[in-house]
PDB file of all heavy atoms in Angstrom:
ATOM      1  N   CYS A   1      38.157  33.886 -31.817  1.00  0.00           N
ATOM      2  CA  CYS A   1      38.958  34.514 -32.872  1.00  0.00           C
ATOM      3  C   CYS A   1      40.377  33.904 -32.870  1.00  0.00           C
ATOM      4  O   CYS A   1      40.764  33.246 -31.869  1.00  0.00           O
ATOM      5  CB  CYS A   1      38.967  36.011 -32.724  1.00  0.00           C
ATOM      6  SG  CYS A   1      39.712  36.622 -31.168  1.00  0.00           S
ATOM      7  N   ILE A   2      41.070  34.126 -33.914  1.00  0.00           N
ATOM      8  CA  ILE A   2      42.370  33.577 -34.069  1.00  0.00           C
ATOM      9  C   ILE A   2      43.322  34.525 -34.824  1.00  0.00           C
ATOM     10  O   ILE A   2      42.839  35.241 -35.757  1.00  0.00           O
ATOM     11  CB  ILE A   2      42.276  32.228 -34.871  1.00  0.00           C
ATOM     12  CG1 ILE A   2      43.589  31.460 -34.882  1.00  0.00           C
ATOM     13  CG2 ILE A   2      41.732  32.378 -36.275  1.00  0.00           C
ATOM     14  CD1 ILE A   2      43.490  29.994 -35.373  1.00  0.00           C
ATOM     15  N   THR A   3      44.535  34.641 -34.356  1.00  0.00           N
ATOM     16  CA  THR A   3      45.445  35.567 -34.932  1.00  0.00           C
ATOM     17  C   THR A   3      45.870  35.127 -36.336  1.00  0.00           C
ATOM     18  O   THR A   3      45.596  34.064 -36.782  1.00  0.00           O
ATOM     19  CB  THR A   3      46.672  35.722 -34.059  1.00  0.00           C
ATOM     20  OG1 THR A   3      47.235  34.410 -33.728  1.00  0.00           O
ATOM     21  CG2 THR A   3      46.320  36.421 -32.750  1.00  0.00           C
ATOM     22  N   GLU A   4      46.582  36.033 -36.991  1.00  0.00           N
ATOM     23  CA  GLU A   4      46.902  35.839 -38.409  1.00  0.00           C
ATOM     24  C   GLU A   4      47.698  34.520 -38.656  1.00  0.00           C
ATOM     25  O   GLU A   4      47.431  33.869 -39.648  1.00  0.00           O
ATOM     26  CB  GLU A   4      47.751  37.034 -38.949  1.00  0.00           C
ATOM     27  CG  GLU A   4      47.040  38.323 -39.003  1.00  0.00           C
ATOM     28  CD  GLU A   4      47.196  39.152 -37.755  1.00  0.00           C
ATOM     29  OE1 GLU A   4      47.386  38.570 -36.676  1.00  0.00           O
ATOM     30  OE2 GLU A   4      47.155  40.391 -37.854  1.00  0.00           O
ATOM     31  N   ASN A   5      48.616  34.225 -37.819  1.00  0.00           N
ATOM     32  CA  ASN A   5      49.379  32.971 -38.032  1.00  0.00           C
ATOM     33  C   ASN A   5      48.878  31.842 -37.185  1.00  0.00           C
ATOM     34  O   ASN A   5      49.446  30.734 -37.215  1.00  0.00           O
ATOM     35  CB  ASN A   5      50.874  33.248 -37.746  1.00  0.00           C
ATOM     36  CG  ASN A   5      51.134  33.584 -36.352  1.00  0.00           C
ATOM     37  OD1 ASN A   5      50.239  33.641 -35.495  1.00  0.00           O
ATOM     38  ND2 ASN A   5      52.391  33.903 -35.994  1.00  0.00           N
ATOM     39  N   GLY A   6      47.792  32.062 -36.488  1.00  0.00           N
ATOM     40  CA  GLY A   6      47.133  30.949 -35.742  1.00  0.00           C
ATOM     41  C   GLY A   6      47.796  30.653 -34.418  1.00  0.00           C
ATOM     42  O   GLY A   6      47.386  29.689 -33.754  1.00  0.00           O
ATOM     43  N   ASP A   7      48.762  31.486 -33.971  1.00  0.00           N
ATOM     44  CA  ASP A   7      49.435  31.144 -32.743  1.00  0.00           C
ATOM     45  C   ASP A   7      48.707  31.460 -31.486  1.00  0.00           C
ATOM     46  O   ASP A   7      49.008  30.946 -30.405  1.00  0.00           O
ATOM     47  CB  ASP A   7      50.820  31.797 -32.675  1.00  0.00           C
ATOM     48  CG  ASP A   7      50.755  33.311 -32.660  1.00  0.00           C
ATOM     49  OD1 ASP A   7      49.714  33.831 -33.042  1.00  0.00           O
ATOM     50  OD2 ASP A   7      51.754  33.911 -32.281  1.00  0.00           O
ATOM     51  N   GLN A   8      47.635  32.270 -31.563  1.00  0.00           N
ATOM     52  CA  GLN A   8      46.814  32.586 -30.408  1.00  0.00           C
ATOM     53  C   GLN A   8      45.355  32.554 -30.841  1.00  0.00           C
ATOM     54  O   GLN A   8      44.963  32.986 -31.933  1.00  0.00           O
ATOM     55  CB  GLN A   8      47.176  33.922 -29.837  1.00  0.00           C
ATOM     56  CG  GLN A   8      48.613  34.001 -29.306  1.00  0.00           C
ATOM     57  CD  GLN A   8      48.781  35.132 -28.313  1.00  0.00           C
ATOM     58  OE1 GLN A   8      48.016  35.309 -27.403  1.00  0.00           O
ATOM     59  NE2 GLN A   8      49.819  35.933 -28.576  1.00  0.00           N
ATOM     60  N   GLN A   9      44.523  32.022 -29.936  1.00  0.00           N
ATOM     61  CA  GLN A   9      43.140  31.914 -30.106  1.00  0.00           C
ATOM     62  C   GLN A   9      42.372  32.361 -28.858  1.00  0.00           C
ATOM     63  O   GLN A   9      42.925  32.334 -27.772  1.00  0.00           O
ATOM     64  CB  GLN A   9      42.657  30.486 -30.465  1.00  0.00           C
ATOM     65  CG  GLN A   9      43.454  29.807 -31.571  1.00  0.00           C
ATOM     66  CD  GLN A   9      44.647  29.031 -31.002  1.00  0.00           C
ATOM     67  OE1 GLN A   9      44.536  28.445 -29.948  1.00  0.00           O
ATOM     68  NE2 GLN A   9      45.740  29.031 -31.726  1.00  0.00           N
ATOM     69  N   SER A  10      41.176  32.847 -29.060  1.00  0.00           N
ATOM     70  CA  SER A  10      40.299  33.094 -27.933  1.00  0.00           C
ATOM     71  C   SER A  10      39.014  32.266 -28.151  1.00  0.00           C
ATOM     72  O   SER A  10      38.628  32.001 -29.292  1.00  0.00           O
ATOM     73  CB  SER A  10      39.965  34.556 -27.809  1.00  0.00           C
ATOM     74  OG  SER A  10      39.092  34.943 -28.831  1.00  0.00           O
ATOM     75  N   LEU A  11      38.355  31.953 -27.027  1.00  0.00           N
ATOM     76  CA  LEU A  11      37.151  31.219 -27.091  1.00  0.00           C
ATOM     77  C   LEU A  11      36.308  31.623 -25.865  1.00  0.00           C
ATOM     78  O   LEU A  11      36.823  31.597 -24.764  1.00  0.00           O
ATOM     79  CB  LEU A  11      37.392  29.714 -27.079  1.00  0.00           C
ATOM     80  CG  LEU A  11      36.199  28.770 -27.124  1.00  0.00           C
ATOM     81  CD1 LEU A  11      35.480  28.940 -28.454  1.00  0.00           C
ATOM     82  CD2 LEU A  11      36.616  27.352 -26.928  1.00  0.00           C
ATOM     83  N   VAL A  12      35.054  31.872 -26.097  1.00  0.00           N
ATOM     84  CA  VAL A  12      34.177  32.219 -24.992  1.00  0.00           C
ATOM     85  C   VAL A  12      34.152  31.038 -24.007  1.00  0.00           C
ATOM     86  O   VAL A  12      34.146  29.894 -24.361  1.00  0.00           O
ATOM     87  CB  VAL A  12      32.773  32.580 -25.474  1.00  0.00           C
ATOM     88  CG1 VAL A  12      32.094  31.370 -26.084  1.00  0.00           C
ATOM     89  CG2 VAL A  12      31.917  33.177 -24.383  1.00  0.00           C
ATOM     90  N   SER A  13      34.249  31.356 -22.686  1.00  0.00           N
ATOM     91  CA  SER A  13      34.479  30.304 -21.727  1.00  0.00           C
ATOM     92  C   SER A  13      33.366  29.247 -21.709  1.00  0.00           C
ATOM     93  O   SER A  13      33.648  28.090 -21.433  1.00  0.00           O
ATOM     94  CB  SER A  13      34.582  30.972 -20.309  1.00  0.00           C
ATOM     95  OG  SER A  13      33.456  31.738 -20.005  1.00  0.00           O
ATOM     96  N   SER A  14      32.149  29.644 -22.017  1.00  0.00           N
ATOM     97  CA  SER A  14      31.026  28.675 -21.992  1.00  0.00           C
ATOM     98  C   SER A  14      31.165  27.588 -23.037  1.00  0.00           C
ATOM     99  O   SER A  14      30.512  26.540 -22.941  1.00  0.00           O
ATOM    100  CB  SER A  14      29.693  29.418 -22.191  1.00  0.00           C
ATOM    101  OG  SER A  14      29.667  30.088 -23.436  1.00  0.00           O
ATOM    102  N   LEU A  15      32.026  27.760 -23.984  1.00  0.00           N
ATOM    103  CA  LEU A  15      32.186  26.832 -25.095  1.00  0.00           C
ATOM    104  C   LEU A  15      33.496  26.025 -25.019  1.00  0.00           C
ATOM    105  O   LEU A  15      33.763  25.203 -25.921  1.00  0.00           O
ATOM    106  CB  LEU A  15      32.035  27.489 -26.431  1.00  0.00           C
ATOM    107  CG  LEU A  15      30.712  28.182 -26.717  1.00  0.00           C
ATOM    108  CD1 LEU A  15      30.711  28.848 -28.091  1.00  0.00           C
ATOM    109  CD2 LEU A  15      29.585  27.144 -26.646  1.00  0.00           C
ATOM    110  N   LYS A  16      34.308  26.331 -24.036  1.00  0.00           N
ATOM    111  CA  LYS A  16      35.570  25.667 -23.942  1.00  0.00           C
ATOM    112  C   LYS A  16      35.378  24.136 -23.761  1.00  0.00           C
ATOM    113  O   LYS A  16      34.525  23.783 -22.998  1.00  0.00           O
ATOM    114  CB  LYS A  16      36.443  26.292 -22.810  1.00  0.00           C
ATOM    115  CG  LYS A  16      36.959  27.652 -23.256  1.00  0.00           C
ATOM    116  CD  LYS A  16      37.896  28.209 -22.180  1.00  0.00           C
ATOM    117  CE  LYS A  16      38.453  29.572 -22.646  1.00  0.00           C
ATOM    118  NZ  LYS A  16      39.357  30.179 -21.665  1.00  0.00           N
ATOM    119  N   GLY A  17      36.204  23.397 -24.451  1.00  0.00           N
ATOM    120  CA  GLY A  17      36.047  21.949 -24.386  1.00  0.00           C
ATOM    121  C   GLY A  17      35.180  21.396 -25.481  1.00  0.00           C
ATOM    122  O   GLY A  17      35.214  20.191 -25.728  1.00  0.00           O
ATOM    123  N   ARG A  18      34.401  22.217 -26.111  1.00  0.00           N
ATOM    124  CA  ARG A  18      33.486  21.735 -27.194  1.00  0.00           C
ATOM    125  C   ARG A  18      33.812  22.377 -28.525  1.00  0.00           C
ATOM    126  O   ARG A  18      33.708  21.712 -29.573  1.00  0.00           O
ATOM    127  CB  ARG A  18      32.038  22.025 -26.826  1.00  0.00           C
ATOM    128  CG  ARG A  18      31.509  21.305 -25.647  1.00  0.00           C
ATOM    129  CD  ARG A  18      30.031  21.254 -25.576  1.00  0.00           C
ATOM    130  NE  ARG A  18      29.394  22.573 -25.574  1.00  0.00           N
ATOM    131  CZ  ARG A  18      28.543  23.051 -26.518  1.00  0.00           C
ATOM    132  NH1 ARG A  18      28.255  22.234 -27.547  1.00  0.00           N
ATOM    133  NH2 ARG A  18      28.026  24.213 -26.378  1.00  0.00           N
ATOM    134  N   PHE A  19      34.226  23.616 -28.573  1.00  0.00           N
ATOM    135  CA  PHE A  19      34.526  24.302 -29.814  1.00  0.00           C
ATOM    136  C   PHE A  19      35.967  24.596 -29.938  1.00  0.00           C
ATOM    137  O   PHE A  19      36.642  24.945 -28.921  1.00  0.00           O
ATOM    138  CB  PHE A  19      33.726  25.648 -29.901  1.00  0.00           C
ATOM    139  CG  PHE A  19      32.242  25.522 -30.126  1.00  0.00           C
ATOM    140  CD1 PHE A  19      31.526  24.379 -29.820  1.00  0.00           C
ATOM    141  CD2 PHE A  19      31.537  26.613 -30.646  1.00  0.00           C
ATOM    142  CE1 PHE A  19      30.200  24.241 -30.058  1.00  0.00           C
ATOM    143  CE2 PHE A  19      30.171  26.482 -30.879  1.00  0.00           C
ATOM    144  CZ  PHE A  19      29.495  25.373 -30.595  1.00  0.00           C
ATOM    145  N   THR A  20      36.505  24.558 -31.125  1.00  0.00           N
ATOM    146  CA  THR A  20      37.888  24.851 -31.390  1.00  0.00           C
ATOM    147  C   THR A  20      38.034  25.606 -32.703  1.00  0.00           C
ATOM    148  O   THR A  20      37.488  25.164 -33.726  1.00  0.00           O
ATOM    149  CB  THR A  20      38.740  23.580 -31.512  1.00  0.00           C
ATOM    150  OG1 THR A  20      38.574  22.782 -30.319  1.00  0.00           O
ATOM    151  CG2 THR A  20      40.196  23.928 -31.650  1.00  0.00           C
ATOM    152  N   ILE A  21      38.746  26.736 -32.685  1.00  0.00           N
ATOM    153  CA  ILE A  21      39.016  27.437 -33.909  1.00  0.00           C
ATOM    154  C   ILE A  21      40.429  27.134 -34.422  1.00  0.00           C
ATOM    155  O   ILE A  21      41.319  26.886 -33.639  1.00  0.00           O
ATOM    156  CB  ILE A  21      38.888  28.989 -33.644  1.00  0.00           C
ATOM    157  CG1 ILE A  21      38.875  29.772 -34.964  1.00  0.00           C
ATOM    158  CG2 ILE A  21      40.026  29.460 -32.718  1.00  0.00           C
ATOM    159  CD1 ILE A  21      38.503  31.206 -34.801  1.00  0.00           C
ATOM    160  N   SER A  22      40.527  27.086 -35.729  1.00  0.00           N
ATOM    161  CA  SER A  22      41.866  26.786 -36.342  1.00  0.00           C
ATOM    162  C   SER A  22      41.875  27.443 -37.698  1.00  0.00           C
ATOM    163  O   SER A  22      40.854  27.924 -38.191  1.00  0.00           O
ATOM    164  CB  SER A  22      42.107  25.318 -36.444  1.00  0.00           C
ATOM    165  OG  SER A  22      41.110  24.671 -37.310  1.00  0.00           O
ATOM    166  N   ARG A  23      43.035  27.516 -38.293  1.00  0.00           N
ATOM    167  CA  ARG A  23      43.183  28.070 -39.610  1.00  0.00           C
ATOM    168  C   ARG A  23      44.233  27.324 -40.432  1.00  0.00           C
ATOM    169  O   ARG A  23      45.235  26.840 -39.844  1.00  0.00           O
ATOM    170  CB  ARG A  23      43.445  29.567 -39.562  1.00  0.00           C
ATOM    171  CG  ARG A  23      44.749  29.964 -39.082  1.00  0.00           C
ATOM    172  CD  ARG A  23      44.853  31.528 -38.849  1.00  0.00           C
ATOM    173  NE  ARG A  23      44.405  32.255 -40.063  1.00  0.00           N
ATOM    174  CZ  ARG A  23      44.006  33.499 -40.006  1.00  0.00           C
ATOM    175  NH1 ARG A  23      43.876  34.153 -38.868  1.00  0.00           N
ATOM    176  NH2 ARG A  23      43.656  34.120 -41.139  1.00  0.00           N
ATOM    177  N   ASP A  24      44.064  27.324 -41.700  1.00  0.00           N
ATOM    178  CA  ASP A  24      45.048  26.764 -42.619  1.00  0.00           C
ATOM    179  C   ASP A  24      45.239  27.842 -43.674  1.00  0.00           C
ATOM    180  O   ASP A  24      44.489  27.933 -44.610  1.00  0.00           O
ATOM    181  CB  ASP A  24      44.520  25.488 -43.269  1.00  0.00           C
ATOM    182  CG  ASP A  24      45.543  24.768 -44.084  1.00  0.00           C
ATOM    183  OD1 ASP A  24      46.494  25.426 -44.562  1.00  0.00           O
ATOM    184  OD2 ASP A  24      45.400  23.555 -44.364  1.00  0.00           O
ATOM    185  N   ASN A  25      46.295  28.636 -43.488  1.00  0.00           N
ATOM    186  CA  ASN A  25      46.514  29.756 -44.393  1.00  0.00           C
ATOM    187  C   ASN A  25      46.924  29.269 -45.811  1.00  0.00           C
ATOM    188  O   ASN A  25      46.653  29.982 -46.807  1.00  0.00           O
ATOM    189  CB  ASN A  25      47.576  30.692 -43.836  1.00  0.00           C
ATOM    190  CG  ASN A  25      47.049  31.480 -42.671  1.00  0.00           C
ATOM    191  OD1 ASN A  25      45.848  31.673 -42.500  1.00  0.00           O
ATOM    192  ND2 ASN A  25      47.965  31.979 -41.839  1.00  0.00           N
ATOM    193  N   ALA A  26      47.538  28.094 -45.887  1.00  0.00           N
ATOM    194  CA  ALA A  26      47.777  27.547 -47.219  1.00  0.00           C
ATOM    195  C   ALA A  26      46.533  27.247 -48.019  1.00  0.00           C
ATOM    196  O   ALA A  26      46.514  27.386 -49.260  1.00  0.00           O
ATOM    197  CB  ALA A  26      48.624  26.244 -47.073  1.00  0.00           C
ATOM    198  N   LYS A  27      45.458  26.923 -47.330  1.00  0.00           N
ATOM    199  CA  LYS A  27      44.169  26.665 -47.972  1.00  0.00           C
ATOM    200  C   LYS A  27      43.230  27.891 -47.912  1.00  0.00           C
ATOM    201  O   LYS A  27      42.095  27.784 -48.359  1.00  0.00           O
ATOM    202  CB  LYS A  27      43.508  25.425 -47.370  1.00  0.00           C
ATOM    203  CG  LYS A  27      44.283  24.168 -47.574  1.00  0.00           C
ATOM    204  CD  LYS A  27      43.527  22.921 -46.963  1.00  0.00           C
ATOM    205  CE  LYS A  27      44.298  21.652 -47.235  1.00  0.00           C
ATOM    206  NZ  LYS A  27      43.597  20.475 -46.664  1.00  0.00           N
ATOM    207  N   ASN A  28      43.721  28.925 -47.237  1.00  0.00           N
ATOM    208  CA  ASN A  28      42.945  30.195 -47.154  1.00  0.00           C
ATOM    209  C   ASN A  28      41.610  29.903 -46.450  1.00  0.00           C
ATOM    210  O   ASN A  28      40.554  30.435 -46.881  1.00  0.00           O
ATOM    211  CB  ASN A  28      42.702  30.798 -48.488  1.00  0.00           C
ATOM    212  CG  ASN A  28      42.593  32.294 -48.485  1.00  0.00           C
ATOM    213  OD1 ASN A  28      43.178  32.969 -47.601  1.00  0.00           O
ATOM    214  ND2 ASN A  28      41.757  32.847 -49.333  1.00  0.00           N
ATOM    215  N   THR A  29      41.611  29.117 -45.342  1.00  0.00           N
ATOM    216  CA  THR A  29      40.405  28.864 -44.649  1.00  0.00           C
ATOM    217  C   THR A  29      40.646  29.015 -43.135  1.00  0.00           C
ATOM    218  O   THR A  29      41.730  28.811 -42.615  1.00  0.00           O
ATOM    219  CB  THR A  29      39.925  27.423 -44.919  1.00  0.00           C
ATOM    220  OG1 THR A  29      40.901  26.503 -44.496  1.00  0.00           O
ATOM    221  CG2 THR A  29      39.586  27.195 -46.429  1.00  0.00           C
ATOM    222  N   VAL A  30      39.504  29.336 -42.475  1.00  0.00           N
ATOM    223  CA  VAL A  30      39.509  29.347 -40.995  1.00  0.00           C
ATOM    224  C   VAL A  30      38.317  28.423 -40.621  1.00  0.00           C
ATOM    225  O   VAL A  30      37.228  28.560 -41.211  1.00  0.00           O
ATOM    226  CB  VAL A  30      39.272  30.730 -40.422  1.00  0.00           C
ATOM    227  CG1 VAL A  30      39.090  30.666 -38.923  1.00  0.00           C
ATOM    228  CG2 VAL A  30      40.491  31.604 -40.792  1.00  0.00           C
ATOM    229  N   SER A  31      38.541  27.568 -39.691  1.00  0.00           N
ATOM    230  CA  SER A  31      37.492  26.553 -39.335  1.00  0.00           C
ATOM    231  C   SER A  31      37.058  26.723 -37.892  1.00  0.00           C
ATOM    232  O   SER A  31      37.781  27.214 -37.075  1.00  0.00           O
ATOM    233  CB  SER A  31      38.089  25.120 -39.519  1.00  0.00           C
ATOM    234  OG  SER A  31      38.404  24.927 -40.867  1.00  0.00           O
ATOM    235  N   LEU A  32      35.844  26.249 -37.636  1.00  0.00           N
ATOM    236  CA  LEU A  32      35.345  26.193 -36.273  1.00  0.00           C
ATOM    237  C   LEU A  32      34.801  24.757 -36.083  1.00  0.00           C
ATOM    238  O   LEU A  32      33.802  24.354 -36.687  1.00  0.00           O
ATOM    239  CB  LEU A  32      34.203  27.169 -36.046  1.00  0.00           C
ATOM    240  CG  LEU A  32      33.656  27.251 -34.591  1.00  0.00           C
ATOM    241  CD1 LEU A  32      34.723  27.807 -33.667  1.00  0.00           C
ATOM    242  CD2 LEU A  32      32.407  28.077 -34.536  1.00  0.00           C
ATOM    243  N   GLN A  33      35.508  23.966 -35.286  1.00  0.00           N
ATOM    244  CA  GLN A  33      35.134  22.597 -35.010  1.00  0.00           C
ATOM    245  C   GLN A  33      34.198  22.605 -33.815  1.00  0.00           C
ATOM    246  O   GLN A  33      34.573  23.137 -32.728  1.00  0.00           O
ATOM    247  CB  GLN A  33      36.352  21.730 -34.774  1.00  0.00           C
ATOM    248  CG  GLN A  33      36.006  20.305 -34.415  1.00  0.00           C
ATOM    249  CD  GLN A  33      35.460  19.531 -35.573  1.00  0.00           C
ATOM    250  OE1 GLN A  33      35.982  19.595 -36.663  1.00  0.00           O
ATOM    251  NE2 GLN A  33      34.411  18.779 -35.351  1.00  0.00           N
TER     252      GLN A  33
END
C-alpha cells in the first residue's frame, strides 16, 4: 500500500526486491511494478 502523497509504502516481506508500488497523482494512477 502507499500513502496519499506517496511518501510511505509498505510491501509484504516475501516480495521485497521484486515488487514496487508507486503513484502519480497528476495522472491519477497507482502502479505495481
